[in-house]
Amino acid sequence: MKYIVTVVRLLLLALFVFLIVQGKMMLWLGLFGISLLAALIFGRIYCGYVCPMNTVMVPVDWIAKKLKIQTQKTPKWLGKGYFAWIALIVSVAAMLLSKRFLHVNIPILLIWLALAVLVTLRYSPAVFHNLICPFSAPQKLFGRIARRSRMVDETACIGCKLCEKACPSDAIAVTPEDKKAHINIALCHQCTNCRQVCPKDAICYTRSQHKEKSAV
């Protein structure tokens, strides 16, 4: 499964590069818009499989850890969680204003791709994913009510925390009260990292728990 996910990501990264080279950035942004609707049902699959920033961040994160230049600390000014929305508004405004008044298409996607690399060299991927990335803000909003998501079978979970360590977006936490893993679907990228390391096969892709509770 790991190799399938990698191949899918690389193919979509190649598509991203092709569209950018062809000057078709709006097509990619259209794909992003469609992914928001898909997030209502399938969760943040864009972030897990499609996003070129996430694809590039995976090897960058590996390199940063090998070089031991990463810190687990989070900048205090990002603590309130508003920056991603501000970044989104500024990015959209910059694109529209530059096109209208300067007749220039700012390569906003490439700019954020470069920033993703720089941030990941210093901080854990979750910092960029959850607190900085402008595209994550609406994905998080739509993903929190997804009908399907990665879920933990608490009867099988042994609280080993392997999934917690493997999650790139800090979406999984083993609570001290019950020693069970719980997934925050607003943050979950729906990747397979957690499932790959779970020794009890306690994680599966199924109907979201908040949907089940609301139906009772």
Protein backbone atom coordinates (compact mmCIF):
# COMPACT_ATOMS: atom_id res chain seq x y z
CA MET A 1 0.00 0.00 0.00
CA LYS A 2 2.86 2.33 0.84
CA TYR A 3 4.28 2.06 -2.67
CA ILE A 4 0.88 2.57 -4.28
CA VAL A 5 0.39 5.79 -2.33
CA THR A 6 3.87 6.97 -3.32
CA VAL A 7 3.23 6.26 -7.00
CA VAL A 8 -0.11 8.11 -6.91
CA ARG A 9 1.53 11.12 -5.28
CA LEU A 10 4.38 11.20 -7.79
CA LEU A 11 2.01 10.94 -10.75
CA LEU A 12 -0.07 13.82 -9.44
CA LEU A 13 3.09 15.82 -8.74
CA ALA A 14 4.08 15.26 -12.37
CA LEU A 15 0.63 16.50 -13.43
CA PHE A 16 1.09 19.59 -11.25
CA VAL A 17 4.47 20.35 -12.83
CA PHE A 18 3.03 19.83 -16.32
CA LEU A 19 0.14 22.22 -15.71
CA ILE A 20 2.41 24.86 -14.21
CA VAL A 21 4.84 24.62 -17.14
CA GLN A 22 1.90 24.92 -19.54
CA GLY A 23 0.65 27.99 -17.68
CA LYS A 24 -2.53 26.21 -16.59
CA MET A 25 -2.36 27.02 -12.88
CA MET A 26 -6.09 27.77 -12.80
CA LEU A 27 -6.83 24.16 -13.77
CA TRP A 28 -4.98 22.98 -10.67
CA LEU A 29 -6.83 25.49 -8.53
CA GLY A 30 -10.04 24.14 -10.05
CA LEU A 31 -8.98 20.66 -8.99
CA PHE A 32 -8.42 22.02 -5.49
CA GLY A 33 -11.94 23.45 -5.50
CA ILE A 34 -13.39 20.09 -6.47
CA SER A 35 -11.37 18.45 -3.70
CA LEU A 36 -13.15 20.62 -1.13
CA LEU A 37 -16.46 19.09 -2.16
CA ALA A 38 -14.87 15.64 -2.09
CA ALA A 39 -13.63 16.36 1.45
CA LEU A 40 -17.23 16.51 2.64
CA ILE A 41 -17.51 12.80 1.87
CA PHE A 42 -14.01 11.33 1.78
CA GLY A 43 -12.08 13.65 4.08
CA ARG A 44 -8.88 15.49 3.21
CA ILE A 45 -7.75 13.20 0.42
CA TYR A 46 -6.31 16.20 -1.43
CA CYS A 47 -3.83 16.78 1.38
CA GLY A 48 -2.88 13.13 1.61
CA TYR A 49 -2.55 12.20 -2.05
CA VAL A 50 -2.84 15.19 -4.39
CA CYS A 51 -1.10 18.17 -2.78
CA PRO A 52 2.34 18.74 -4.36
CA MET A 53 3.56 20.43 -1.19
CA ASN A 54 2.86 17.33 0.89
CA THR A 55 4.55 15.10 -1.70
CA VAL A 56 7.71 17.21 -1.63
CA MET A 57 7.63 17.58 2.16
CA VAL A 58 7.88 13.81 2.71
CA PRO A 59 11.51 13.47 1.52
CA VAL A 60 12.41 16.91 2.92
CA ASP A 61 11.19 15.80 6.35
CA TRP A 62 13.30 12.64 6.09
CA ILE A 63 16.39 14.65 5.16
CA ALA A 64 15.82 17.19 7.95
CA LYS A 65 15.55 14.42 10.53
CA LYS A 66 18.69 12.72 9.23
CA LEU A 67 20.59 16.00 9.47
CA LYS A 68 19.04 16.65 12.90
CA ILE A 69 18.13 20.23 12.02
CA GLN A 70 14.44 19.93 12.87
CA THR A 71 12.89 21.07 16.11
CA GLN A 72 9.66 19.81 17.61
CA LYS A 73 8.82 23.26 18.93
CA THR A 74 6.09 25.35 17.34
CA PRO A 75 6.59 29.11 16.86
CA LYS A 76 4.51 30.92 19.47
CA TRP A 77 3.12 33.40 16.94
CA LEU A 78 1.38 30.52 15.17
CA GLY A 79 -0.30 29.32 18.33
CA LYS A 80 -3.70 30.94 17.77
CA GLY A 81 -4.15 29.19 14.42
CA TYR A 82 -5.28 32.22 12.39
CA PHE A 83 -2.24 32.46 10.14
CA ALA A 84 -3.42 29.90 7.55
CA TRP A 85 -6.62 31.88 6.91
CA ILE A 86 -4.67 35.13 6.68
CA ALA A 87 -2.25 33.46 4.26
CA LEU A 88 -5.17 32.27 2.15
CA ILE A 89 -6.74 35.72 1.94
CA VAL A 90 -3.41 37.38 1.12
CA SER A 91 -2.60 34.76 -1.52
CA VAL A 92 -5.95 35.12 -3.28
CA ALA A 93 -5.75 38.92 -3.12
CA ALA A 94 -2.21 38.91 -4.52
CA MET A 95 -3.27 36.69 -7.43
CA LEU A 96 -6.30 38.80 -8.33
CA LEU A 97 -4.65 42.21 -7.93
CA SER A 98 -1.48 41.27 -9.81
CA LYS A 99 -3.56 39.91 -12.67
CA ARG A 100 -5.84 42.95 -12.83
CA PHE A 101 -3.36 45.79 -12.37
CA LEU A 102 0.02 44.34 -13.32
CA HIS A 103 -1.19 41.80 -15.89
CA VAL A 104 1.10 39.27 -14.28
CA ASN A 105 0.27 35.80 -13.02
CA ILE A 106 2.03 35.34 -9.70
CA PRO A 107 3.20 31.69 -9.37
CA ILE A 108 1.55 31.47 -5.96
CA LEU A 109 1.59 27.67 -5.91
CA LEU A 110 5.33 27.53 -6.56
CA ILE A 111 5.94 30.18 -3.89
CA TRP A 112 4.07 28.12 -1.31
CA LEU A 113 5.84 24.97 -2.47
CA ALA A 114 9.19 26.63 -1.76
CA LEU A 115 7.96 27.88 1.63
CA ALA A 116 6.75 24.36 2.50
CA VAL A 117 10.26 23.03 1.89
CA LEU A 118 11.92 25.75 3.97
CA VAL A 119 9.51 25.37 6.90
CA THR A 120 9.82 21.58 6.92
CA LEU A 121 13.59 21.78 7.08
CA ARG A 122 13.21 23.47 10.46
CA TYR A 123 9.88 22.31 11.88
CA SER A 124 7.83 19.12 11.86
CA PRO A 125 5.45 18.76 8.88
CA ALA A 126 2.45 19.31 11.16
CA VAL A 127 3.48 22.93 11.70
CA PHE A 128 3.11 23.73 8.02
CA HIS A 129 0.12 21.44 7.46
CA ASN A 130 -1.95 22.72 10.37
CA LEU A 131 -0.82 26.27 11.00
CA ILE A 132 0.71 27.79 7.87
CA CYS A 133 -0.56 26.25 4.63
CA PRO A 134 -3.33 28.46 3.15
CA PHE A 135 -4.84 25.50 1.35
CA SER A 136 -5.18 23.53 4.58
CA ALA A 137 -7.55 26.08 6.12
CA PRO A 138 -10.58 25.30 3.92
CA GLN A 139 -9.62 21.63 3.76
CA LYS A 140 -9.74 21.49 7.54
CA LEU A 141 -13.12 23.24 7.56
CA PHE A 142 -14.68 20.85 5.04
CA GLY A 143 -12.86 17.78 6.35
CA ARG A 144 -14.19 18.08 9.89
CA ILE A 145 -17.64 16.94 8.70
CA ALA A 146 -16.46 14.22 6.31
CA ARG A 147 -18.78 11.23 6.07
CA ARG A 148 -15.84 8.81 5.86
CA SER A 149 -12.44 8.89 7.53
CA ARG A 150 -9.68 6.86 9.12
CA MET A 151 -11.08 5.55 12.38
CA VAL A 152 -9.64 3.55 15.28
CA ASP A 153 -11.21 0.33 16.53
CA GLU A 154 -10.79 0.98 20.24
CA THR A 155 -11.37 -2.66 21.11
CA ALA A 156 -8.25 -3.59 19.13
CA CYS A 157 -6.09 -0.55 19.94
CA ILE A 158 -3.32 -1.20 22.50
CA GLY A 159 -2.20 2.41 22.85
CA CYS A 160 1.31 1.79 21.52
CA LYS A 161 1.49 5.31 20.01
CA LEU A 162 3.12 4.10 16.79
CA CYS A 163 0.30 5.67 14.79
CA GLU A 164 0.67 8.90 16.73
CA LYS A 165 4.34 9.11 15.78
CA ALA A 166 3.69 8.21 12.14
CA CYS A 167 1.00 10.82 11.53
CA PRO A 168 2.37 13.79 9.52
CA SER A 169 -0.37 16.16 10.68
CA ASP A 170 -0.61 15.34 14.40
CA ALA A 171 -4.16 14.12 13.81
CA ILE A 172 -3.77 11.13 16.15
CA ALA A 173 -3.42 11.22 19.91
CA VAL A 174 -3.43 8.43 22.48
CA THR A 175 -5.41 9.83 25.40
CA PRO A 176 -4.07 9.13 28.91
CA GLU A 177 -7.58 8.38 30.22
CA ASP A 178 -8.31 5.29 28.14
CA LYS A 179 -4.90 4.63 26.53
CA LYS A 180 -6.58 4.50 23.14
CA ALA A 181 -5.75 6.31 19.91
CA HIS A 182 -8.23 8.87 18.62
CA ILE A 183 -8.20 10.56 15.20
CA ASN A 184 -9.12 14.19 14.62
CA ILE A 185 -10.73 14.01 11.18
CA ALA A 186 -10.35 17.76 10.65
CA LEU A 187 -6.58 17.24 10.64
CA CYS A 188 -6.40 13.73 9.13
CA HIS A 189 -5.00 13.57 5.59
CA GLN A 190 -6.53 10.14 5.05
CA CYS A 191 -3.10 8.76 4.17
CA THR A 192 -2.09 5.27 5.21
CA ASN A 193 0.84 6.09 7.50
CA CYS A 194 -0.98 5.11 10.68
CA ARG A 195 -2.45 1.93 9.24
CA GLN A 196 0.94 0.81 7.96
CA VAL A 197 2.52 0.87 11.42
CA CYS A 198 -0.43 -0.39 13.49
CA PRO A 199 0.50 -3.84 14.88
CA LYS A 200 -3.14 -4.74 15.54
CA ASP A 201 -4.76 -3.53 12.30
CA ALA A 202 -6.93 -1.31 14.49
CA ILE A 203 -7.22 1.52 11.94
CA CYS A 204 -9.53 1.40 8.97
CA TYR A 205 -11.23 3.76 6.54
CA THR A 206 -14.90 3.80 7.44
CA ARG A 207 -17.89 5.94 8.34
CA SER A 208 -16.99 8.85 10.58
CA GLN A 209 -17.90 8.47 14.23
CA HIS A 210 -19.58 11.89 14.46
CA LYS A 211 -21.97 10.72 11.77
CA GLU A 212 -22.77 7.58 13.67
CA LYS A 213 -23.42 9.54 16.87
CA SER A 214 -25.67 12.03 15.12
CA ALA A 215 -27.74 9.21 13.71
CA VAL A 216 -28.48 7.79 17.17
